[in-house]
Amino acid sequence: MLKRVLKPVFFCIFMLALVVEINAQNKKGGKIFVETISFGSCNKHDLPQPLWNSIIADDPDIWIWLGDIIYGDTHEMALLNEKYSQQKDLIDYRRLRLNTSVIGIWDDHDYGINDGGKYYGKKKESQQILLDFLDEPKDSPRRKQEGAYASYTYGIGENSIKVILLDTRYHRDTLFRESGKYLPNLNGTILGEEQWNWLERELKNSTARINIIASGIQIIPTEHPFEKWANFPNERERLLDLIANSKVKNPILLSGDRHIAEISQLKDKRFPLGIVEITSSGMTHTWSSYREEYNPYRIGNLIASLHYGTLKLDWENEWMTFYIKGEQGQIYLEQRIPIR
């Protein structure tokens, strides 16, 4: 008799614990099993934004801003805040936020200055406005640190995924141009030592099955003349070495900035199976003077139509599939990667 009574009691306790765990995950912006993550960048707040219906139709668990959420480009913080508010009040974006956790990092235009770095005088104030837009809690450690970098872990066990957002603006040293190209900066930093130390801990302590590392600027491509990690070649090598040496599971790179979409893959002794970077950049406008651009790492085509990115996770069959998609949900690029 006692066993009959205790069995449903233990079951209720188990279910209550599960509900508590689910609620704890949801409060952190996460879900127990993430199946869809969408992402994008280069989004002018005052231009038509035709992609949201397609994005919402994908029913993403998480939306990741990869920078240039708005085009602020100002030292006037009231104006910057007004532009973020205009984006946040957009009815279709509000629809997305009803059922989707939103996280993100900035790039230069939402940071406040085109191609900006550590000498932007309003970076501290701008950081708080970004975090307000992202609904970061007032007591969040992210509000107290120098820089907007952050990490989020979703899911549990073999179905866990970690998203690491790198701040490539707040501490970035100056770049100089010559003949329309950036000169390599061999001694400067992109992340700053505090963020480098944080990133090393985040990677080495990660138990996630999949680890997404997001950067406003491209990491793998080296040949184009615009902003990229390769403008700081020693920093690029440091990042790739750190990812490889950390032995983190299934690292994936995401980036924005370029007003194009492409998929790049680097294979070398550090990454014998390859490490992939998905660039998704062009939600409201794309490269108007589009021409074919050399990228020895590119897989597939270069896309210069309005687009966003989506990751579909098939945990049961151990596959992740990345898509670059257009206004009608049409697929421009697709890359399937095993979950090892």
Protein backbone atom coordinates (compact mmCIF):
# COMPACT_ATOMS: atom_id res chain seq x y z
CA MET A 1 0.00 0.00 0.00
CA LEU A 2 2.80 2.38 0.97
CA LYS A 3 4.60 1.68 -2.35
CA ARG A 4 1.44 2.55 -4.28
CA VAL A 5 1.23 5.88 -2.48
CA LEU A 6 4.93 6.71 -2.81
CA LYS A 7 5.20 5.89 -6.51
CA PRO A 8 2.90 8.74 -7.70
CA VAL A 9 4.50 11.04 -5.12
CA PHE A 10 7.98 10.38 -6.54
CA PHE A 11 6.61 10.84 -10.05
CA CYS A 12 5.13 14.22 -9.08
CA ILE A 13 8.44 15.28 -7.52
CA PHE A 14 10.26 14.28 -10.71
CA MET A 15 7.82 16.22 -12.88
CA LEU A 16 8.06 19.25 -10.60
CA ALA A 17 11.87 19.16 -10.87
CA LEU A 18 11.60 18.96 -14.65
CA VAL A 19 9.27 21.96 -14.74
CA VAL A 20 11.67 23.91 -12.52
CA GLU A 21 14.54 23.04 -14.88
CA ILE A 22 12.53 24.09 -17.93
CA ASN A 23 11.54 27.36 -16.27
CA ALA A 24 15.16 28.01 -15.28
CA GLN A 25 16.24 27.46 -18.88
CA ASN A 26 13.51 29.71 -20.24
CA LYS A 27 14.39 32.52 -17.83
CA LYS A 28 17.91 32.45 -19.27
CA GLY A 29 16.46 32.75 -22.76
CA GLY A 30 17.00 29.07 -23.45
CA LYS A 31 14.97 25.96 -24.11
CA ILE A 32 15.55 22.36 -23.17
CA PHE A 33 15.85 21.19 -26.79
CA VAL A 34 16.80 23.80 -29.35
CA GLU A 35 15.87 22.78 -32.88
CA THR A 36 16.11 26.01 -34.91
CA ILE A 37 18.39 29.05 -34.65
CA SER A 38 18.10 31.96 -37.08
CA PHE A 39 20.52 34.84 -37.50
CA GLY A 40 21.31 37.90 -39.59
CA SER A 41 22.91 41.34 -39.77
CA CYS A 42 23.01 44.61 -41.70
CA ASN A 43 19.50 45.80 -40.92
CA LYS A 44 18.67 49.46 -41.53
CA HIS A 45 15.94 50.42 -39.10
CA ASP A 46 14.41 52.93 -41.57
CA LEU A 47 14.26 50.65 -44.63
CA PRO A 48 11.60 48.05 -45.46
CA GLN A 49 12.24 44.78 -43.61
CA PRO A 50 10.63 42.08 -45.74
CA LEU A 51 12.32 39.02 -44.20
CA TRP A 52 10.55 38.76 -40.85
CA ASN A 53 7.56 36.78 -42.13
CA SER A 54 9.87 34.12 -43.54
CA ILE A 55 11.97 34.11 -40.37
CA ILE A 56 8.87 33.73 -38.17
CA ALA A 57 7.62 30.91 -40.41
CA ASP A 58 10.82 29.01 -39.57
CA ASP A 59 9.75 29.20 -35.90
CA PRO A 60 13.25 29.75 -34.48
CA ASP A 61 13.92 29.04 -30.83
CA ILE A 62 16.69 31.67 -30.88
CA TRP A 63 17.41 34.72 -33.03
CA ILE A 64 21.03 35.94 -33.10
CA TRP A 65 21.86 39.48 -34.19
CA LEU A 66 25.32 39.45 -35.80
CA GLY A 67 25.78 43.22 -35.77
CA ASP A 68 24.50 46.33 -37.52
CA ILE A 69 21.12 45.82 -35.89
CA ILE A 70 20.47 49.46 -36.73
CA TYR A 71 22.51 52.13 -38.45
CA GLY A 72 23.22 54.53 -35.61
CA ASP A 73 26.47 56.20 -36.72
CA THR A 74 26.26 58.99 -34.15
CA HIS A 75 27.79 60.40 -30.98
CA GLU A 76 24.31 61.49 -29.87
CA MET A 77 23.05 58.79 -27.51
CA ALA A 78 19.46 60.04 -27.58
CA LEU A 79 19.45 59.56 -31.34
CA LEU A 80 21.05 56.12 -31.06
CA ASN A 81 18.43 55.07 -28.52
CA GLU A 82 15.65 56.43 -30.73
CA LYS A 83 16.84 54.30 -33.66
CA TYR A 84 16.97 51.17 -31.51
CA SER A 85 13.45 51.96 -30.26
CA GLN A 86 12.22 52.32 -33.83
CA GLN A 87 13.55 48.84 -34.59
CA LYS A 88 12.18 47.32 -31.40
CA ASP A 89 8.72 48.74 -32.03
CA LEU A 90 8.51 47.33 -35.57
CA ILE A 91 5.41 45.13 -35.53
CA ASP A 92 6.95 42.15 -37.34
CA TYR A 93 10.01 42.19 -35.09
CA ARG A 94 7.66 42.31 -32.09
CA ARG A 95 5.92 39.23 -33.48
CA LEU A 96 9.25 37.39 -33.60
CA ARG A 97 10.03 38.30 -30.00
CA LEU A 98 6.76 36.77 -28.75
CA ASN A 99 8.05 33.20 -29.14
CA THR A 100 11.77 33.55 -29.84
CA SER A 101 14.67 34.30 -27.52
CA VAL A 102 16.73 37.19 -28.92
CA ILE A 103 20.46 37.56 -28.28
CA GLY A 104 23.14 39.42 -30.19
CA ILE A 105 26.29 41.44 -30.54
CA TRP A 106 27.02 44.72 -32.30
CA ASP A 107 29.23 45.68 -35.21
CA ASP A 108 30.32 49.18 -36.23
CA HIS A 109 27.09 50.94 -37.24
CA ASP A 110 25.13 49.98 -34.12
CA TYR A 111 28.27 50.49 -32.05
CA GLY A 112 28.04 54.09 -33.16
CA ILE A 113 30.70 54.82 -35.78
CA ASN A 114 31.61 53.31 -39.15
CA ASP A 115 34.66 51.01 -38.91
CA GLY A 116 34.96 52.12 -35.27
CA GLY A 117 37.23 50.74 -32.59
CA LYS A 118 38.40 51.46 -29.07
CA TYR A 119 38.69 55.23 -29.51
CA TYR A 120 34.95 55.77 -30.01
CA GLY A 121 34.17 58.19 -27.19
CA LYS A 122 30.62 56.98 -26.45
CA LYS A 123 31.27 53.24 -26.29
CA LYS A 124 30.27 52.85 -22.63
CA GLU A 125 26.96 54.63 -23.14
CA SER A 126 26.35 52.81 -26.41
CA GLN A 127 26.90 49.45 -24.71
CA GLN A 128 24.11 50.12 -22.23
CA ILE A 129 21.72 51.12 -25.02
CA LEU A 130 22.48 47.91 -26.91
CA LEU A 131 21.84 45.86 -23.78
CA ASP A 132 18.57 47.72 -23.18
CA PHE A 133 17.50 46.79 -26.70
CA LEU A 134 18.38 43.14 -26.02
CA ASP A 135 16.46 43.20 -22.71
CA GLU A 136 19.57 42.32 -20.75
CA PRO A 137 18.70 42.42 -17.01
CA LYS A 138 19.81 45.50 -15.09
CA ASP A 139 21.96 43.37 -12.77
CA SER A 140 23.58 41.39 -15.62
CA PRO A 141 27.39 41.05 -15.45
CA ARG A 142 27.32 42.01 -19.12
CA ARG A 143 26.39 45.55 -18.06
CA LYS A 144 29.36 45.88 -15.72
CA GLN A 145 32.16 44.68 -18.01
CA GLU A 146 34.14 46.62 -20.63
CA GLY A 147 32.62 45.30 -23.85
CA ALA A 148 29.38 43.63 -24.91
CA TYR A 149 30.69 40.05 -25.33
CA ALA A 150 28.62 37.23 -23.82
CA SER A 151 27.87 33.52 -23.92
CA TYR A 152 24.62 31.56 -23.66
CA THR A 153 24.11 27.83 -23.19
CA TYR A 154 20.92 26.07 -24.23
CA GLY A 155 19.71 22.52 -23.79
CA ILE A 156 21.16 19.72 -21.71
CA GLY A 157 23.63 16.87 -22.17
CA GLU A 158 23.98 15.57 -25.70
CA ASN A 159 21.45 18.16 -26.90
CA SER A 160 23.31 21.22 -25.62
CA ILE A 161 24.54 24.15 -27.64
CA LYS A 162 26.64 27.15 -26.60
CA VAL A 163 26.63 30.52 -28.36
CA ILE A 164 29.66 32.76 -27.80
CA LEU A 165 29.29 36.37 -28.95
CA LEU A 166 32.56 38.21 -29.56
CA ASP A 167 32.87 41.99 -29.28
CA THR A 168 35.18 43.06 -32.13
CA ARG A 169 34.71 46.82 -31.54
CA TYR A 170 35.11 47.92 -27.93
CA HIS A 171 38.82 47.02 -27.60
CA ARG A 172 39.85 46.94 -31.25
CA ASP A 173 42.99 48.85 -32.23
CA THR A 174 43.15 51.24 -35.15
CA LEU A 175 43.48 50.19 -38.77
CA PHE A 176 45.07 52.37 -41.44
CA ARG A 177 44.28 52.42 -45.15
CA GLU A 178 46.51 52.73 -48.17
CA SER A 179 45.29 52.68 -51.79
CA GLY A 180 41.80 51.76 -50.60
CA LYS A 181 42.96 48.74 -48.57
CA TYR A 182 43.54 48.22 -44.88
CA LEU A 183 47.16 47.70 -43.89
CA PRO A 184 47.88 44.67 -41.69
CA ASN A 185 48.14 45.52 -38.00
CA LEU A 186 50.67 43.04 -36.62
CA ASN A 187 50.76 44.32 -33.05
CA GLY A 188 47.22 45.48 -32.37
CA THR A 189 44.37 43.62 -30.75
CA ILE A 190 40.76 42.96 -31.71
CA LEU A 191 39.41 41.57 -28.45
CA GLY A 192 41.66 43.00 -25.73
CA GLU A 193 43.32 40.81 -23.10
CA GLU A 194 40.35 40.66 -20.71
CA GLN A 195 38.07 39.37 -23.45
CA TRP A 196 40.75 36.96 -24.66
CA ASN A 197 41.03 35.49 -21.17
CA TRP A 198 37.25 35.25 -20.92
CA LEU A 199 37.05 33.49 -24.30
CA GLU A 200 39.71 30.97 -23.31
CA ARG A 201 37.70 30.08 -20.21
CA GLU A 202 34.44 29.86 -22.15
CA LEU A 203 35.92 27.44 -24.67
CA LYS A 204 37.95 25.29 -22.32
CA ASN A 205 35.11 24.95 -19.82
CA SER A 206 32.42 24.28 -22.41
CA THR A 207 30.59 20.98 -22.14
CA ALA A 208 28.22 21.81 -25.01
CA ARG A 209 27.83 19.41 -27.92
CA ILE A 210 27.88 22.30 -30.42
CA ASN A 211 29.76 25.58 -29.94
CA ILE A 212 28.84 28.59 -32.07
CA ILE A 213 31.32 31.47 -32.10
CA ALA A 214 29.80 34.66 -33.54
CA SER A 215 31.76 37.69 -34.74
CA GLY A 216 30.57 40.89 -36.36
CA ILE A 217 33.40 40.67 -38.93
CA GLN A 218 34.56 37.68 -40.97
CA ILE A 219 37.13 35.30 -39.50
CA ILE A 220 38.19 32.84 -42.22
CA PRO A 221 38.27 34.94 -45.45
CA THR A 222 41.60 36.69 -46.07
CA GLU A 223 41.55 38.18 -49.58
CA HIS A 224 38.94 40.95 -49.70
CA PRO A 225 40.00 44.54 -48.89
CA PHE A 226 37.36 45.25 -46.23
CA GLU A 227 37.23 44.78 -42.46
CA LYS A 228 38.07 41.25 -41.33
CA TRP A 229 40.07 39.34 -38.74
CA ALA A 230 42.85 38.91 -41.32
CA ASN A 231 43.61 42.65 -40.99
CA PHE A 232 45.03 41.59 -37.62
CA PRO A 233 46.78 38.40 -38.80
CA ASN A 234 48.26 37.50 -35.42
CA GLU A 235 44.86 37.90 -33.76
CA ARG A 236 43.25 35.66 -36.38
CA GLU A 237 45.84 32.95 -35.78
CA ARG A 238 45.42 33.32 -32.04
CA LEU A 239 41.68 32.80 -32.34
CA LEU A 240 41.99 29.74 -34.57
CA ASP A 241 44.71 28.27 -32.35
CA LEU A 242 42.58 28.82 -29.26
CA ILE A 243 39.56 27.10 -30.80
CA ALA A 244 41.67 24.14 -31.91
CA ASN A 245 43.62 23.79 -28.65
CA SER A 246 40.50 24.01 -26.52
CA LYS A 247 39.25 20.76 -28.10
CA VAL A 248 35.77 22.24 -27.97
CA LYS A 249 33.15 20.05 -29.66
CA ASN A 250 31.76 20.95 -33.08
CA PRO A 251 32.92 24.58 -33.38
CA ILE A 252 31.00 26.69 -35.91
CA LEU A 253 31.72 30.31 -36.87
CA LEU A 254 29.05 32.93 -37.68
CA SER A 255 29.72 36.44 -39.03
CA GLY A 256 28.05 39.44 -40.64
CA ASP A 257 29.14 42.89 -41.89
CA ARG A 258 29.74 42.20 -45.58
CA HIS A 259 26.31 42.81 -47.19
CA ILE A 260 26.63 39.37 -48.78
CA ALA A 261 26.18 35.76 -47.77
CA GLU A 262 28.73 33.01 -48.20
CA ILE A 263 29.97 29.84 -46.55
CA SER A 264 33.71 29.42 -45.98
CA GLN A 265 35.62 26.34 -44.83
CA LEU A 266 39.17 26.19 -43.49
CA LYS A 267 41.05 22.90 -43.48
CA ASP A 268 44.55 22.69 -42.05
CA LYS A 269 46.50 20.70 -39.46
CA ARG A 270 44.48 22.34 -36.68
CA PHE A 271 41.16 21.48 -38.34
CA PRO A 272 41.75 18.35 -40.46
CA LEU A 273 37.99 17.86 -40.81
CA GLY A 274 37.47 21.56 -41.50
CA ILE A 275 35.89 24.44 -39.61
CA VAL A 276 33.00 26.25 -41.29
CA GLU A 277 31.98 29.93 -41.19
CA ILE A 278 28.54 31.10 -42.29
CA THR A 279 28.33 34.77 -43.18
CA SER A 280 24.81 36.21 -43.24
CA SER A 281 24.71 39.93 -43.95
CA GLY A 282 22.04 41.78 -45.83
CA MET A 283 18.59 41.90 -44.24
CA THR A 284 17.56 45.25 -45.72
CA HIS A 285 20.29 46.02 -48.26
CA THR A 286 23.09 44.15 -49.98
CA TRP A 287 26.26 44.88 -51.91
CA SER A 288 25.00 47.36 -54.51
CA SER A 289 28.20 47.23 -56.58
CA TYR A 290 28.25 43.43 -56.48
CA ARG A 291 30.97 41.68 -58.39
CA GLU A 292 32.48 38.23 -58.05
CA GLU A 293 34.97 38.26 -55.20
CA TYR A 294 37.85 35.84 -54.70
CA ASN A 295 37.63 33.73 -51.56
CA PRO A 296 39.70 30.52 -51.70
CA TYR A 297 37.77 29.15 -48.72
CA ARG A 298 34.27 29.63 -50.15
CA ILE A 299 31.90 26.69 -50.53
CA GLY A 300 29.18 27.35 -53.11
CA ASN A 301 28.14 30.76 -54.40
CA LEU A 302 28.39 34.31 -53.16
CA ILE A 303 24.87 35.67 -52.51
CA ALA A 304 24.00 39.35 -52.90
CA SER A 305 20.21 39.20 -52.40
CA LEU A 306 18.30 40.02 -49.21
CA HIS A 307 18.70 37.05 -46.90
CA TYR A 308 19.02 35.62 -43.40
CA GLY A 309 20.56 32.46 -41.98
CA THR A 310 18.93 29.48 -40.28
CA LEU A 311 20.37 26.45 -38.51
CA LYS A 312 18.24 23.31 -38.25
CA LEU A 313 19.37 20.79 -35.65
CA ASP A 314 18.58 17.10 -36.10
CA TRP A 315 19.75 15.72 -32.78
CA GLU A 316 18.37 12.23 -33.38
CA ASN A 317 20.29 11.68 -36.63
CA GLU A 318 23.20 13.87 -35.55
CA TRP A 319 23.16 16.47 -38.31
CA MET A 320 23.08 20.25 -38.38
CA THR A 321 22.08 22.03 -41.57
CA PHE A 322 22.72 25.70 -42.28
CA TYR A 323 20.59 27.61 -44.79
CA ILE A 324 20.82 31.05 -46.33
CA LYS A 325 17.23 31.95 -47.18
CA GLY A 326 15.37 34.75 -48.95
CA GLU A 327 12.13 36.70 -48.59
CA GLN A 328 9.92 33.85 -49.75
CA GLY A 329 11.84 31.27 -47.76
CA GLN A 330 13.76 30.19 -50.86
CA ILE A 331 17.10 28.53 -50.17
CA TYR A 332 20.16 30.24 -51.65
CA LEU A 333 22.81 28.19 -49.85
CA GLU A 334 22.77 24.97 -47.83
CA GLN A 335 25.50 23.28 -45.82
CA ARG A 336 24.99 20.01 -43.93
CA ILE A 337 27.49 19.20 -41.17
CA PRO A 338 27.63 16.08 -38.99
CA ILE A 339 27.35 16.50 -35.23
CA ARG A 340 30.35 14.55 -34.05
